[in-house]
């Protein structure tokens, strides 16, 4: 199999090394794109077994170094994608059971994160809602 090189590595590494250099707007756009693409995969009846930030590869397009393109790798027939969204939100916010949001965190981001972490699965947003 031949795939395009992800010249910036995975999302986890990018956020770990550049957290303060990535705007909240960019972080929310990435989260939206991931949820949208995941919902599309589910519509095609593809499911990812190990969906996490380390498996989301980042590549900068040659014509725009600031635009981030994300590729989701691997497909298997089961995973709760809402679990992934919760995991990703926690990683973006520096980990922990419930994140302590940094100064300047937009309220919409906090609301989204808390919604994804709801103990009641019926109260969590779907990939389409995200």
C-alpha atoms as a PDB file:
ATOM      1  CA  UNK A   1       0.000   0.000   0.000  1.00  0.00           C
ATOM      2  CA  UNK A   2       1.202   3.497  -0.823  1.00  0.00           C
ATOM      3  CA  UNK A   3      -0.059   6.464   1.191  1.00  0.00           C
ATOM      4  CA  UNK A   4       0.839  10.133   1.330  1.00  0.00           C
ATOM      5  CA  UNK A   5       3.498  11.119   3.856  1.00  0.00           C
ATOM      6  CA  UNK A   6       2.072  12.918   6.869  1.00  0.00           C
ATOM      7  CA  UNK A   7       4.874  15.447   7.056  1.00  0.00           C
ATOM      8  CA  UNK A   8       3.873  16.835  10.459  1.00  0.00           C
ATOM      9  CA  UNK A   9       3.173  13.560  12.258  1.00  0.00           C
ATOM     10  CA  UNK A  10       0.042  12.808  14.242  1.00  0.00           C
ATOM     11  CA  UNK A  11      -2.423  15.134  15.954  1.00  0.00           C
ATOM     12  CA  UNK A  12      -1.240  14.177  19.432  1.00  0.00           C
ATOM     13  CA  UNK A  13       2.373  15.152  18.681  1.00  0.00           C
ATOM     14  CA  UNK A  14       1.346  18.369  16.946  1.00  0.00           C
ATOM     15  CA  UNK A  15      -0.816  19.471  19.866  1.00  0.00           C
ATOM     16  CA  UNK A  16       1.767  18.402  22.449  1.00  0.00           C
ATOM     17  CA  UNK A  17       4.503  20.459  20.834  1.00  0.00           C
ATOM     18  CA  UNK A  18       2.441  23.385  19.504  1.00  0.00           C
ATOM     19  CA  UNK A  19      -0.563  23.696  21.835  1.00  0.00           C
ATOM     20  CA  UNK A  20      -0.116  27.424  22.474  1.00  0.00           C
ATOM     21  CA  UNK A  21       0.615  28.175  18.800  1.00  0.00           C
ATOM     22  CA  UNK A  22      -2.653  26.667  17.520  1.00  0.00           C
ATOM     23  CA  UNK A  23      -5.623  28.994  17.916  1.00  0.00           C
ATOM     24  CA  UNK A  24      -8.857  27.836  19.545  1.00  0.00           C
ATOM     25  CA  UNK A  25     -10.594  28.429  16.249  1.00  0.00           C
ATOM     26  CA  UNK A  26      -8.177  26.034  14.520  1.00  0.00           C
ATOM     27  CA  UNK A  27      -8.636  23.442  17.298  1.00  0.00           C
ATOM     28  CA  UNK A  28     -12.417  23.631  16.953  1.00  0.00           C
ATOM     29  CA  UNK A  29     -12.137  23.390  13.158  1.00  0.00           C
ATOM     30  CA  UNK A  30     -10.002  20.279  13.508  1.00  0.00           C
ATOM     31  CA  UNK A  31     -12.495  18.747  15.934  1.00  0.00           C
ATOM     32  CA  UNK A  32     -15.357  19.571  13.569  1.00  0.00           C
ATOM     33  CA  UNK A  33     -13.517  18.070  10.577  1.00  0.00           C
ATOM     34  CA  UNK A  34     -12.710  14.894  12.494  1.00  0.00           C
ATOM     35  CA  UNK A  35     -16.292  14.451  13.715  1.00  0.00           C
ATOM     36  CA  UNK A  36     -17.655  15.176  10.222  1.00  0.00           C
ATOM     37  CA  UNK A  37     -15.285  12.707   8.558  1.00  0.00           C
ATOM     38  CA  UNK A  38     -16.013  10.082  11.192  1.00  0.00           C
ATOM     39  CA  UNK A  39     -19.762  10.478  10.635  1.00  0.00           C
ATOM     40  CA  UNK A  40     -19.161  10.030   6.897  1.00  0.00           C
ATOM     41  CA  UNK A  41     -17.199   6.836   7.547  1.00  0.00           C
ATOM     42  CA  UNK A  42     -20.039   5.512   9.695  1.00  0.00           C
ATOM     43  CA  UNK A  43     -22.524   6.256   6.912  1.00  0.00           C
ATOM     44  CA  UNK A  44     -20.384   4.079   4.642  1.00  0.00           C
ATOM     45  CA  UNK A  45     -20.473   1.405   7.361  1.00  0.00           C
ATOM     46  CA  UNK A  46     -16.760   1.688   8.120  1.00  0.00           C
ATOM     47  CA  UNK A  47     -15.806   1.739  11.783  1.00  0.00           C
ATOM     48  CA  UNK A  48     -12.439   2.353  13.434  1.00  0.00           C
ATOM     49  CA  UNK A  49     -11.203   0.117  16.217  1.00  0.00           C
ATOM     50  CA  UNK A  50      -8.495   2.339  17.653  1.00  0.00           C
ATOM     51  CA  UNK A  51      -9.592   5.907  16.928  1.00  0.00           C
ATOM     52  CA  UNK A  52      -7.374   8.339  18.846  1.00  0.00           C
ATOM     53  CA  UNK A  53      -5.261  11.414  18.282  1.00  0.00           C
ATOM     54  CA  UNK A  54      -2.160   9.303  17.637  1.00  0.00           C
ATOM     55  CA  UNK A  55      -3.912   7.798  14.598  1.00  0.00           C
ATOM     56  CA  UNK A  56      -4.950  11.096  13.049  1.00  0.00           C
ATOM     57  CA  UNK A  57      -2.150  12.107  10.732  1.00  0.00           C
ATOM     58  CA  UNK A  58      -1.392  15.714   9.891  1.00  0.00           C
ATOM     59  CA  UNK A  59      -0.053  17.005   6.633  1.00  0.00           C
ATOM     60  CA  UNK A  60       0.526  20.608   5.568  1.00  0.00           C
ATOM     61  CA  UNK A  61      -0.533  21.335   2.019  1.00  0.00           C
ATOM     62  CA  UNK A  62       2.265  22.741  -0.114  1.00  0.00           C
ATOM     63  CA  UNK A  63       0.305  25.830  -1.160  1.00  0.00           C
ATOM     64  CA  UNK A  64      -0.778  26.813   2.365  1.00  0.00           C
ATOM     65  CA  UNK A  65       1.436  25.941   5.323  1.00  0.00           C
ATOM     66  CA  UNK A  66      -1.205  27.008   7.853  1.00  0.00           C
ATOM     67  CA  UNK A  67      -3.976  24.773   6.523  1.00  0.00           C
ATOM     68  CA  UNK A  68      -4.119  21.447   8.340  1.00  0.00           C
ATOM     69  CA  UNK A  69      -5.314  18.333   6.576  1.00  0.00           C
ATOM     70  CA  UNK A  70      -6.173  15.277   8.664  1.00  0.00           C
ATOM     71  CA  UNK A  71      -6.281  11.676   7.515  1.00  0.00           C
ATOM     72  CA  UNK A  72      -7.993   8.966   9.517  1.00  0.00           C
ATOM     73  CA  UNK A  73      -6.314   5.574   9.252  1.00  0.00           C
ATOM     74  CA  UNK A  74      -7.588   2.056   9.813  1.00  0.00           C
ATOM     75  CA  UNK A  75     -11.053   0.522   9.686  1.00  0.00           C
ATOM     76  CA  UNK A  76     -12.647  -2.240  11.746  1.00  0.00           C
ATOM     77  CA  UNK A  77     -16.282  -2.982  12.553  1.00  0.00           C
ATOM     78  CA  UNK A  78     -16.641  -1.484  16.027  1.00  0.00           C
ATOM     79  CA  UNK A  79     -15.986   1.522  18.253  1.00  0.00           C
ATOM     80  CA  UNK A  80     -18.072   4.103  20.056  1.00  0.00           C
ATOM     81  CA  UNK A  81     -17.057   7.304  18.296  1.00  0.00           C
ATOM     82  CA  UNK A  82     -18.381   9.430  21.157  1.00  0.00           C
ATOM     83  CA  UNK A  83     -15.775   7.807  23.380  1.00  0.00           C
ATOM     84  CA  UNK A  84     -13.147   9.022  20.933  1.00  0.00           C
ATOM     85  CA  UNK A  85     -14.522  12.565  20.935  1.00  0.00           C
ATOM     86  CA  UNK A  86     -14.381  12.623  24.746  1.00  0.00           C
ATOM     87  CA  UNK A  87     -10.813  11.288  24.633  1.00  0.00           C
ATOM     88  CA  UNK A  88      -9.783  13.875  22.051  1.00  0.00           C
ATOM     89  CA  UNK A  89     -11.319  16.792  23.927  1.00  0.00           C
ATOM     90  CA  UNK A  90      -9.451  15.703  27.059  1.00  0.00           C
ATOM     91  CA  UNK A  91      -6.157  15.478  25.166  1.00  0.00           C
ATOM     92  CA  UNK A  92      -6.623  18.892  23.607  1.00  0.00           C
ATOM     93  CA  UNK A  93      -7.229  20.329  27.082  1.00  0.00           C
ATOM     94  CA  UNK A  94      -4.075  18.709  28.534  1.00  0.00           C
ATOM     95  CA  UNK A  95      -5.666  15.513  29.848  1.00  0.00           C
ATOM     96  CA  UNK A  96      -7.426  14.583  33.051  1.00  0.00           C
ATOM     97  CA  UNK A  97     -10.849  13.312  34.017  1.00  0.00           C
ATOM     98  CA  UNK A  98     -12.359  16.784  33.730  1.00  0.00           C
ATOM     99  CA  UNK A  99     -10.215  19.467  32.147  1.00  0.00           C
ATOM    100  CA  UNK A 100      -9.283  22.725  33.750  1.00  0.00           C
ATOM    101  CA  UNK A 101      -9.696  25.119  30.876  1.00  0.00           C
ATOM    102  CA  UNK A 102      -6.935  27.622  30.281  1.00  0.00           C
ATOM    103  CA  UNK A 103      -7.342  31.377  30.274  1.00  0.00           C
ATOM    104  CA  UNK A 104      -9.036  32.515  27.095  1.00  0.00           C
ATOM    105  CA  UNK A 105     -10.779  29.221  26.361  1.00  0.00           C
ATOM    106  CA  UNK A 106     -13.925  30.123  24.411  1.00  0.00           C
ATOM    107  CA  UNK A 107     -17.202  29.348  26.195  1.00  0.00           C
ATOM    108  CA  UNK A 108     -18.460  27.422  23.160  1.00  0.00           C
ATOM    109  CA  UNK A 109     -15.455  25.099  23.470  1.00  0.00           C
ATOM    110  CA  UNK A 110     -16.118  24.503  27.161  1.00  0.00           C
ATOM    111  CA  UNK A 111     -19.791  23.786  26.454  1.00  0.00           C
ATOM    112  CA  UNK A 112     -18.837  21.344  23.688  1.00  0.00           C
ATOM    113  CA  UNK A 113     -16.270  19.587  25.887  1.00  0.00           C
ATOM    114  CA  UNK A 114     -18.640  19.213  28.825  1.00  0.00           C
ATOM    115  CA  UNK A 115     -21.376  17.949  26.500  1.00  0.00           C
ATOM    116  CA  UNK A 116     -19.048  15.281  25.106  1.00  0.00           C
ATOM    117  CA  UNK A 117     -18.086  14.240  28.646  1.00  0.00           C
ATOM    118  CA  UNK A 118     -21.649  13.860  29.892  1.00  0.00           C
ATOM    119  CA  UNK A 119     -22.120  10.766  32.056  1.00  0.00           C
ATOM    120  CA  UNK A 120     -25.497  10.293  30.342  1.00  0.00           C
ATOM    121  CA  UNK A 121     -24.776   9.059  26.807  1.00  0.00           C
ATOM    122  CA  UNK A 122     -28.148  10.404  25.624  1.00  0.00           C
ATOM    123  CA  UNK A 123     -26.935  13.925  26.422  1.00  0.00           C
ATOM    124  CA  UNK A 124     -23.732  13.625  24.366  1.00  0.00           C
ATOM    125  CA  UNK A 125     -23.763  15.175  20.885  1.00  0.00           C
ATOM    126  CA  UNK A 126     -23.699  12.895  17.860  1.00  0.00           C
ATOM    127  CA  UNK A 127     -20.991  13.218  15.196  1.00  0.00           C
ATOM    128  CA  UNK A 128     -23.547  14.978  12.985  1.00  0.00           C
ATOM    129  CA  UNK A 129     -24.367  17.465  15.747  1.00  0.00           C
ATOM    130  CA  UNK A 130     -20.668  18.192  16.272  1.00  0.00           C
END
